[in-house]
């Protein structure tokens, strides 16, 4: 049975630690309140815009060819795009110290919606790697 998740539920699951979903839901609600307080805009629209801006279309994957390992650029499937974008946003928020996670997550979501911030930088780094290794794209289907 295949469940259809919306983006907010999936993102909440990625935030969750040790199965404590109620805490993750509470963090998401507080984050949306913080965004609403700062921007006076719809937080869900900012959230979806942030995810769209961070989702990578291409990434490099290691591929072994004749005893050598090449970093081969490949397209990213939609489920993995969501996973990577969520992971990068959450990691960027968790890496900041001396403050509340809610504040850092809301700031990172706003920055990602404006195409700035650490998570968007990570996406651009992945694109640079793919561009640098595009000569090895011929190994993608081997």
N, C-alpha and C. Protein backbone atom coordinates (compact mmCIF):
# COMPACT_ATOMS: atom_id res chain seq x y z
N UNK A 1 0.84 -1.18 0.00
CA UNK A 1 0.00 0.00 0.00
C UNK A 1 0.89 1.24 0.00
N UNK A 2 0.68 2.07 -0.96
CA UNK A 2 1.53 3.24 -1.15
C UNK A 2 0.82 4.48 -0.61
N UNK A 3 1.40 5.11 0.41
CA UNK A 3 0.81 6.31 0.98
C UNK A 3 1.28 7.54 0.22
N UNK A 4 0.40 8.50 0.11
CA UNK A 4 0.76 9.77 -0.50
C UNK A 4 0.96 10.78 0.62
N UNK A 5 2.18 11.29 0.73
CA UNK A 5 2.52 12.27 1.77
C UNK A 5 2.54 13.66 1.17
N UNK A 6 2.17 14.62 1.98
CA UNK A 6 2.42 15.98 1.52
C UNK A 6 3.81 16.39 2.01
N UNK A 7 4.31 17.46 1.50
CA UNK A 7 5.68 17.87 1.79
C UNK A 7 5.90 18.15 3.27
N UNK A 8 4.92 18.77 3.91
CA UNK A 8 5.09 19.14 5.31
C UNK A 8 5.18 17.90 6.20
N UNK A 9 4.36 16.87 5.94
CA UNK A 9 4.42 15.64 6.73
C UNK A 9 5.75 14.94 6.55
N UNK A 10 6.22 14.89 5.33
CA UNK A 10 7.49 14.23 5.05
C UNK A 10 8.64 14.97 5.75
N UNK A 11 8.62 16.29 5.66
CA UNK A 11 9.66 17.10 6.30
C UNK A 11 9.63 16.92 7.82
N UNK A 12 8.43 16.85 8.39
CA UNK A 12 8.29 16.61 9.83
C UNK A 12 8.90 15.28 10.21
N UNK A 13 8.72 14.27 9.39
CA UNK A 13 9.32 12.96 9.66
C UNK A 13 10.84 13.03 9.62
N UNK A 14 11.40 13.86 8.75
CA UNK A 14 12.85 13.99 8.68
C UNK A 14 13.41 14.71 9.91
N UNK A 15 12.63 15.61 10.50
CA UNK A 15 13.07 16.33 11.70
C UNK A 15 13.09 15.40 12.91
N UNK A 16 12.21 14.42 12.91
CA UNK A 16 11.97 13.58 14.08
C UNK A 16 13.22 12.86 14.57
N UNK A 17 13.41 12.84 15.90
CA UNK A 17 14.49 12.11 16.57
C UNK A 17 13.87 11.00 17.42
N UNK A 18 14.40 9.81 17.36
CA UNK A 18 14.01 8.70 18.23
C UNK A 18 12.50 8.44 18.27
N UNK A 19 11.80 8.65 17.17
CA UNK A 19 10.38 8.36 17.11
C UNK A 19 9.49 9.36 17.83
N UNK A 20 10.01 10.50 18.20
CA UNK A 20 9.23 11.51 18.94
C UNK A 20 8.55 12.45 17.95
N UNK A 21 7.49 11.93 17.34
CA UNK A 21 6.82 12.69 16.30
C UNK A 21 6.08 13.91 16.85
N UNK A 22 5.55 13.82 18.06
CA UNK A 22 4.81 14.95 18.62
C UNK A 22 5.73 16.16 18.80
N UNK A 23 6.98 15.91 19.16
CA UNK A 23 7.94 17.00 19.31
C UNK A 23 8.27 17.59 17.94
N UNK A 24 8.41 16.73 16.93
CA UNK A 24 8.70 17.21 15.57
C UNK A 24 7.54 18.04 15.03
N UNK A 25 6.32 17.61 15.28
CA UNK A 25 5.14 18.38 14.83
C UNK A 25 5.11 19.73 15.54
N UNK A 26 5.40 19.74 16.82
CA UNK A 26 5.43 20.98 17.59
C UNK A 26 6.50 21.93 17.05
N UNK A 27 7.67 21.39 16.70
CA UNK A 27 8.73 22.22 16.12
C UNK A 27 8.30 22.84 14.80
N UNK A 28 7.61 22.06 13.96
CA UNK A 28 7.15 22.58 12.67
C UNK A 28 6.11 23.69 12.88
N UNK A 29 5.18 23.48 13.82
CA UNK A 29 4.17 24.51 14.08
C UNK A 29 4.81 25.80 14.57
N UNK A 30 5.77 25.67 15.48
CA UNK A 30 6.47 26.86 15.99
C UNK A 30 7.28 27.55 14.88
N UNK A 31 7.86 26.74 14.00
CA UNK A 31 8.62 27.31 12.88
C UNK A 31 7.70 28.10 11.96
N UNK A 32 6.52 27.56 11.66
CA UNK A 32 5.58 28.28 10.81
C UNK A 32 5.08 29.56 11.48
N UNK A 33 4.88 29.51 12.81
CA UNK A 33 4.49 30.72 13.54
C UNK A 33 5.58 31.78 13.46
N UNK A 34 6.83 31.34 13.58
CA UNK A 34 7.97 32.26 13.51
C UNK A 34 8.06 32.91 12.12
N UNK A 35 7.86 32.12 11.07
CA UNK A 35 7.88 32.65 9.71
C UNK A 35 6.74 33.66 9.53
N UNK A 36 5.56 33.31 10.01
CA UNK A 36 4.40 34.20 9.90
C UNK A 36 4.66 35.52 10.64
N UNK A 37 5.31 35.43 11.81
CA UNK A 37 5.60 36.62 12.61
C UNK A 37 6.61 37.52 11.89
N UNK A 38 7.64 36.91 11.25
CA UNK A 38 8.69 37.70 10.60
C UNK A 38 8.24 38.30 9.27
N UNK A 39 7.51 37.52 8.46
CA UNK A 39 7.25 37.92 7.08
C UNK A 39 5.81 38.32 6.81
N UNK A 40 4.88 38.02 7.70
CA UNK A 40 3.46 38.31 7.48
C UNK A 40 2.96 37.69 6.18
N UNK A 41 3.55 36.57 5.78
CA UNK A 41 3.14 35.87 4.56
C UNK A 41 2.73 34.45 4.94
N UNK A 42 2.19 33.73 3.96
CA UNK A 42 1.79 32.35 4.19
C UNK A 42 3.04 31.49 4.38
N UNK A 43 3.22 30.88 5.57
CA UNK A 43 4.42 30.09 5.81
C UNK A 43 4.51 28.84 4.93
N UNK A 44 3.36 28.28 4.56
CA UNK A 44 3.39 27.08 3.72
C UNK A 44 3.92 27.40 2.32
N UNK A 45 3.58 28.59 1.82
CA UNK A 45 4.09 29.01 0.51
C UNK A 45 5.61 29.21 0.57
N UNK A 46 6.09 29.81 1.65
CA UNK A 46 7.53 30.00 1.82
C UNK A 46 8.22 28.66 1.96
N UNK A 47 7.58 27.73 2.69
CA UNK A 47 8.13 26.39 2.89
C UNK A 47 8.28 25.64 1.55
N UNK A 48 7.22 25.65 0.73
CA UNK A 48 7.30 24.93 -0.55
C UNK A 48 8.29 25.60 -1.49
N UNK A 49 8.33 26.94 -1.49
CA UNK A 49 9.30 27.67 -2.32
C UNK A 49 10.73 27.33 -1.91
N UNK A 50 10.97 27.23 -0.59
CA UNK A 50 12.30 26.89 -0.08
C UNK A 50 12.70 25.49 -0.55
N UNK A 51 11.79 24.53 -0.43
CA UNK A 51 12.10 23.17 -0.87
C UNK A 51 12.38 23.11 -2.37
N UNK A 52 11.57 23.82 -3.15
CA UNK A 52 11.77 23.83 -4.61
C UNK A 52 13.14 24.42 -4.97
N UNK A 53 13.56 25.46 -4.24
CA UNK A 53 14.84 26.10 -4.54
C UNK A 53 16.03 25.24 -4.15
N UNK A 54 15.86 24.34 -3.18
CA UNK A 54 16.98 23.53 -2.70
C UNK A 54 17.03 22.17 -3.39
N UNK A 55 15.92 21.70 -3.95
CA UNK A 55 15.90 20.37 -4.59
C UNK A 55 16.88 20.29 -5.75
N UNK A 56 17.85 19.36 -5.70
CA UNK A 56 18.81 19.24 -6.80
C UNK A 56 18.22 18.42 -7.96
N UNK A 57 18.55 18.81 -9.16
CA UNK A 57 18.09 18.07 -10.34
C UNK A 57 19.13 17.03 -10.77
N UNK A 58 20.38 17.26 -10.38
CA UNK A 58 21.47 16.38 -10.78
C UNK A 58 22.45 16.25 -9.61
N UNK A 59 23.07 15.09 -9.48
CA UNK A 59 24.08 14.86 -8.45
C UNK A 59 25.14 13.92 -8.99
N UNK A 60 26.25 13.82 -8.29
CA UNK A 60 27.29 12.87 -8.70
C UNK A 60 27.19 11.62 -7.82
N UNK A 61 27.34 10.47 -8.48
CA UNK A 61 27.32 9.19 -7.78
C UNK A 61 28.60 8.44 -8.14
N UNK A 62 29.21 7.74 -7.20
CA UNK A 62 30.40 6.97 -7.52
C UNK A 62 30.06 5.77 -8.39
N UNK A 63 30.88 5.53 -9.41
CA UNK A 63 30.68 4.41 -10.33
C UNK A 63 32.02 3.74 -10.59
N UNK A 64 32.08 2.45 -10.39
CA UNK A 64 33.32 1.71 -10.59
C UNK A 64 33.38 1.22 -12.03
N UNK A 65 34.43 1.62 -12.74
CA UNK A 65 34.63 1.23 -14.13
C UNK A 65 36.07 0.78 -14.29
N UNK A 66 36.26 -0.50 -14.62
CA UNK A 66 37.59 -1.06 -14.88
C UNK A 66 38.57 -0.80 -13.73
N UNK A 67 38.11 -0.93 -12.51
CA UNK A 67 38.99 -0.78 -11.36
C UNK A 67 39.16 0.64 -10.86
N UNK A 68 38.64 1.60 -11.58
CA UNK A 68 38.71 2.99 -11.14
C UNK A 68 37.31 3.45 -10.72
N UNK A 69 37.27 4.34 -9.77
CA UNK A 69 35.98 4.87 -9.32
C UNK A 69 35.86 6.30 -9.82
N UNK A 70 34.81 6.54 -10.61
CA UNK A 70 34.55 7.86 -11.17
C UNK A 70 33.31 8.46 -10.50
N UNK A 71 33.31 9.78 -10.35
CA UNK A 71 32.13 10.49 -9.87
C UNK A 71 31.30 10.85 -11.10
N UNK A 72 30.20 10.13 -11.30
CA UNK A 72 29.39 10.25 -12.50
C UNK A 72 28.15 11.10 -12.21
N UNK A 73 27.94 12.18 -12.97
CA UNK A 73 26.71 12.97 -12.77
C UNK A 73 25.49 12.20 -13.27
N UNK A 74 24.44 12.20 -12.46
CA UNK A 74 23.20 11.52 -12.82
C UNK A 74 22.01 12.35 -12.37
N UNK A 75 20.86 12.14 -13.03
CA UNK A 75 19.64 12.81 -12.62
C UNK A 75 19.19 12.27 -11.27
N UNK A 76 18.51 13.10 -10.52
CA UNK A 76 18.02 12.72 -9.20
C UNK A 76 16.52 12.46 -9.31
N UNK A 77 16.07 11.34 -8.76
CA UNK A 77 14.65 11.00 -8.77
C UNK A 77 13.90 11.93 -7.82
N UNK A 78 12.61 12.17 -8.07
CA UNK A 78 11.84 13.14 -7.27
C UNK A 78 11.83 12.85 -5.76
N UNK A 79 11.73 11.58 -5.35
CA UNK A 79 11.72 11.29 -3.92
C UNK A 79 13.07 11.63 -3.29
N UNK A 80 14.13 11.36 -4.01
CA UNK A 80 15.47 11.67 -3.49
C UNK A 80 15.70 13.19 -3.47
N UNK A 81 15.12 13.91 -4.44
CA UNK A 81 15.23 15.37 -4.44
C UNK A 81 14.66 15.93 -3.14
N UNK A 82 13.49 15.45 -2.76
CA UNK A 82 12.85 15.91 -1.54
C UNK A 82 13.69 15.54 -0.32
N UNK A 83 14.21 14.31 -0.31
CA UNK A 83 15.02 13.87 0.82
C UNK A 83 16.28 14.73 0.96
N UNK A 84 17.00 14.95 -0.14
CA UNK A 84 18.23 15.74 -0.08
C UNK A 84 17.96 17.18 0.35
N UNK A 85 16.92 17.79 -0.23
CA UNK A 85 16.59 19.17 0.12
C UNK A 85 16.25 19.28 1.60
N UNK A 86 15.44 18.35 2.10
CA UNK A 86 15.07 18.37 3.52
C UNK A 86 16.29 18.16 4.40
N UNK A 87 17.12 17.21 4.02
CA UNK A 87 18.31 16.91 4.81
C UNK A 87 19.24 18.12 4.87
N UNK A 88 19.45 18.79 3.75
CA UNK A 88 20.35 19.94 3.72
C UNK A 88 19.80 21.10 4.54
N UNK A 89 18.49 21.35 4.47
CA UNK A 89 17.89 22.45 5.23
C UNK A 89 17.98 22.16 6.73
N UNK A 90 17.64 20.93 7.13
CA UNK A 90 17.68 20.58 8.55
C UNK A 90 19.11 20.60 9.07
N UNK A 91 20.04 20.09 8.28
CA UNK A 91 21.44 20.08 8.72
C UNK A 91 21.98 21.50 8.88
N UNK A 92 21.62 22.39 7.96
CA UNK A 92 22.06 23.78 8.05
C UNK A 92 21.51 24.43 9.32
N UNK A 93 20.27 24.10 9.68
CA UNK A 93 19.67 24.67 10.89
C UNK A 93 20.30 24.06 12.14
N UNK A 94 20.59 22.77 12.11
CA UNK A 94 21.16 22.11 13.29
C UNK A 94 22.62 22.49 13.52
N UNK A 95 23.34 22.87 12.48
CA UNK A 95 24.75 23.21 12.62
C UNK A 95 24.97 24.55 13.32
N UNK A 96 23.95 25.37 13.37
CA UNK A 96 24.09 26.66 14.05
C UNK A 96 23.98 26.43 15.55
N UNK A 97 24.77 27.18 16.31
CA UNK A 97 24.82 26.98 17.75
C UNK A 97 24.27 28.20 18.50
N UNK A 98 23.98 27.98 19.75
CA UNK A 98 23.59 29.01 20.69
C UNK A 98 22.28 29.70 20.32
N UNK A 99 21.26 28.92 20.20
CA UNK A 99 19.93 29.47 19.94
C UNK A 99 18.94 28.35 19.77
N UNK A 100 17.71 28.70 19.45
CA UNK A 100 16.68 27.68 19.31
C UNK A 100 16.65 27.14 17.88
N UNK A 101 16.36 25.85 17.80
CA UNK A 101 16.28 25.19 16.49
C UNK A 101 15.16 25.81 15.66
N UNK A 102 14.08 26.21 16.29
CA UNK A 102 12.94 26.81 15.59
C UNK A 102 13.37 28.08 14.88
N UNK A 103 14.12 28.92 15.57
CA UNK A 103 14.59 30.19 14.98
C UNK A 103 15.52 29.91 13.79
N UNK A 104 16.45 28.97 13.98
CA UNK A 104 17.39 28.66 12.91
C UNK A 104 16.70 28.02 11.71
N UNK A 105 15.73 27.14 11.97
CA UNK A 105 15.00 26.49 10.87
C UNK A 105 14.17 27.51 10.10
N UNK A 106 13.51 28.41 10.82
CA UNK A 106 12.71 29.42 10.12
C UNK A 106 13.61 30.34 9.30
N UNK A 107 14.77 30.72 9.85
CA UNK A 107 15.70 31.56 9.09
C UNK A 107 16.21 30.83 7.85
N UNK A 108 16.52 29.55 7.99
CA UNK A 108 17.04 28.77 6.85
C UNK A 108 15.96 28.61 5.78
N UNK A 109 14.71 28.40 6.18
CA UNK A 109 13.63 28.28 5.21
C UNK A 109 13.41 29.61 4.47
N UNK A 110 13.47 30.71 5.20
CA UNK A 110 13.32 32.02 4.55
C UNK A 110 14.49 32.28 3.61
N UNK A 111 15.71 31.96 4.05
CA UNK A 111 16.89 32.14 3.19
C UNK A 111 16.79 31.25 1.94
N UNK A 112 16.35 30.02 2.10
CA UNK A 112 16.22 29.12 0.96
C UNK A 112 15.15 29.61 -0.01
N UNK A 113 14.08 30.17 0.51
CA UNK A 113 13.04 30.72 -0.36
C UNK A 113 13.57 31.91 -1.15
N UNK A 114 14.53 32.64 -0.57
CA UNK A 114 15.15 33.77 -1.26
C UNK A 114 16.41 33.39 -2.03
N UNK A 115 16.67 32.09 -2.13
CA UNK A 115 17.83 31.52 -2.84
C UNK A 115 19.16 31.99 -2.25
N UNK A 116 19.22 32.06 -0.93
CA UNK A 116 20.47 32.28 -0.22
C UNK A 116 20.54 31.25 0.89
N UNK A 117 21.56 31.28 1.69
CA UNK A 117 21.65 30.37 2.82
C UNK A 117 22.53 29.16 2.55
N UNK A 118 22.78 28.40 3.61
CA UNK A 118 23.70 27.27 3.54
C UNK A 118 23.17 26.12 2.69
N UNK A 119 21.86 25.87 2.74
CA UNK A 119 21.30 24.75 1.97
C UNK A 119 21.38 25.01 0.46
N UNK A 120 21.14 26.23 0.04
CA UNK A 120 21.26 26.57 -1.38
C UNK A 120 22.72 26.52 -1.81
N UNK A 121 23.63 26.90 -0.92
CA UNK A 121 25.06 26.81 -1.20
C UNK A 121 25.46 25.35 -1.42
N UNK A 122 24.90 24.46 -0.61
CA UNK A 122 25.19 23.03 -0.75
C UNK A 122 24.70 22.52 -2.11
N UNK A 123 23.52 22.96 -2.54
CA UNK A 123 23.00 22.57 -3.86
C UNK A 123 23.93 23.06 -4.97
N UNK A 124 24.40 24.29 -4.86
CA UNK A 124 25.31 24.83 -5.87
C UNK A 124 26.64 24.09 -5.89
N UNK A 125 27.11 23.65 -4.71
CA UNK A 125 28.33 22.85 -4.64
C UNK A 125 28.15 21.52 -5.36
N UNK A 126 26.98 20.91 -5.19
CA UNK A 126 26.69 19.64 -5.88
C UNK A 126 26.67 19.87 -7.40
N UNK A 127 26.08 20.99 -7.83
CA UNK A 127 26.06 21.30 -9.27
C UNK A 127 27.47 21.54 -9.81
N UNK A 128 28.32 22.19 -9.02
CA UNK A 128 29.71 22.41 -9.45
C UNK A 128 30.44 21.09 -9.61
N UNK A 129 30.21 20.16 -8.68
CA UNK A 129 30.82 18.83 -8.79
C UNK A 129 30.34 18.12 -10.04
N UNK A 130 29.06 18.21 -10.33
CA UNK A 130 28.51 17.57 -11.52
C UNK A 130 29.09 18.19 -12.79
N UNK A 131 29.24 19.50 -12.78
CA UNK A 131 29.82 20.19 -13.94
C UNK A 131 31.28 19.80 -14.13
N UNK A 132 32.01 19.68 -13.04
CA UNK A 132 33.42 19.33 -13.14
C UNK A 132 33.61 17.89 -13.63
N UNK A 133 32.65 17.03 -13.35
CA UNK A 133 32.78 15.62 -13.73
C UNK A 133 31.88 15.22 -14.88
N UNK A 134 31.43 16.20 -15.68
CA UNK A 134 30.53 15.85 -16.78
C UNK A 134 31.21 15.01 -17.86
N UNK A 135 32.52 14.99 -17.88
CA UNK A 135 33.24 14.16 -18.86
C UNK A 135 32.99 12.67 -18.59
N UNK A 136 32.64 12.33 -17.34
CA UNK A 136 32.40 10.94 -16.98
C UNK A 136 30.94 10.54 -17.12
N UNK A 137 30.10 11.40 -17.69
CA UNK A 137 28.69 11.10 -17.85
C UNK A 137 28.46 9.90 -18.76
N UNK A 138 29.42 9.60 -19.61
CA UNK A 138 29.30 8.46 -20.51
C UNK A 138 29.25 7.14 -19.76
N UNK A 139 29.72 7.13 -18.48
CA UNK A 139 29.72 5.90 -17.69
C UNK A 139 28.41 5.69 -16.94
N UNK A 140 27.47 6.58 -17.10
CA UNK A 140 26.24 6.55 -16.30
C UNK A 140 25.42 5.28 -16.52
N UNK A 141 25.39 4.77 -17.72
CA UNK A 141 24.53 3.63 -18.02
C UNK A 141 25.26 2.31 -18.06
N UNK A 142 26.49 2.26 -17.61
CA UNK A 142 27.23 1.00 -17.65
C UNK A 142 26.95 0.16 -16.46
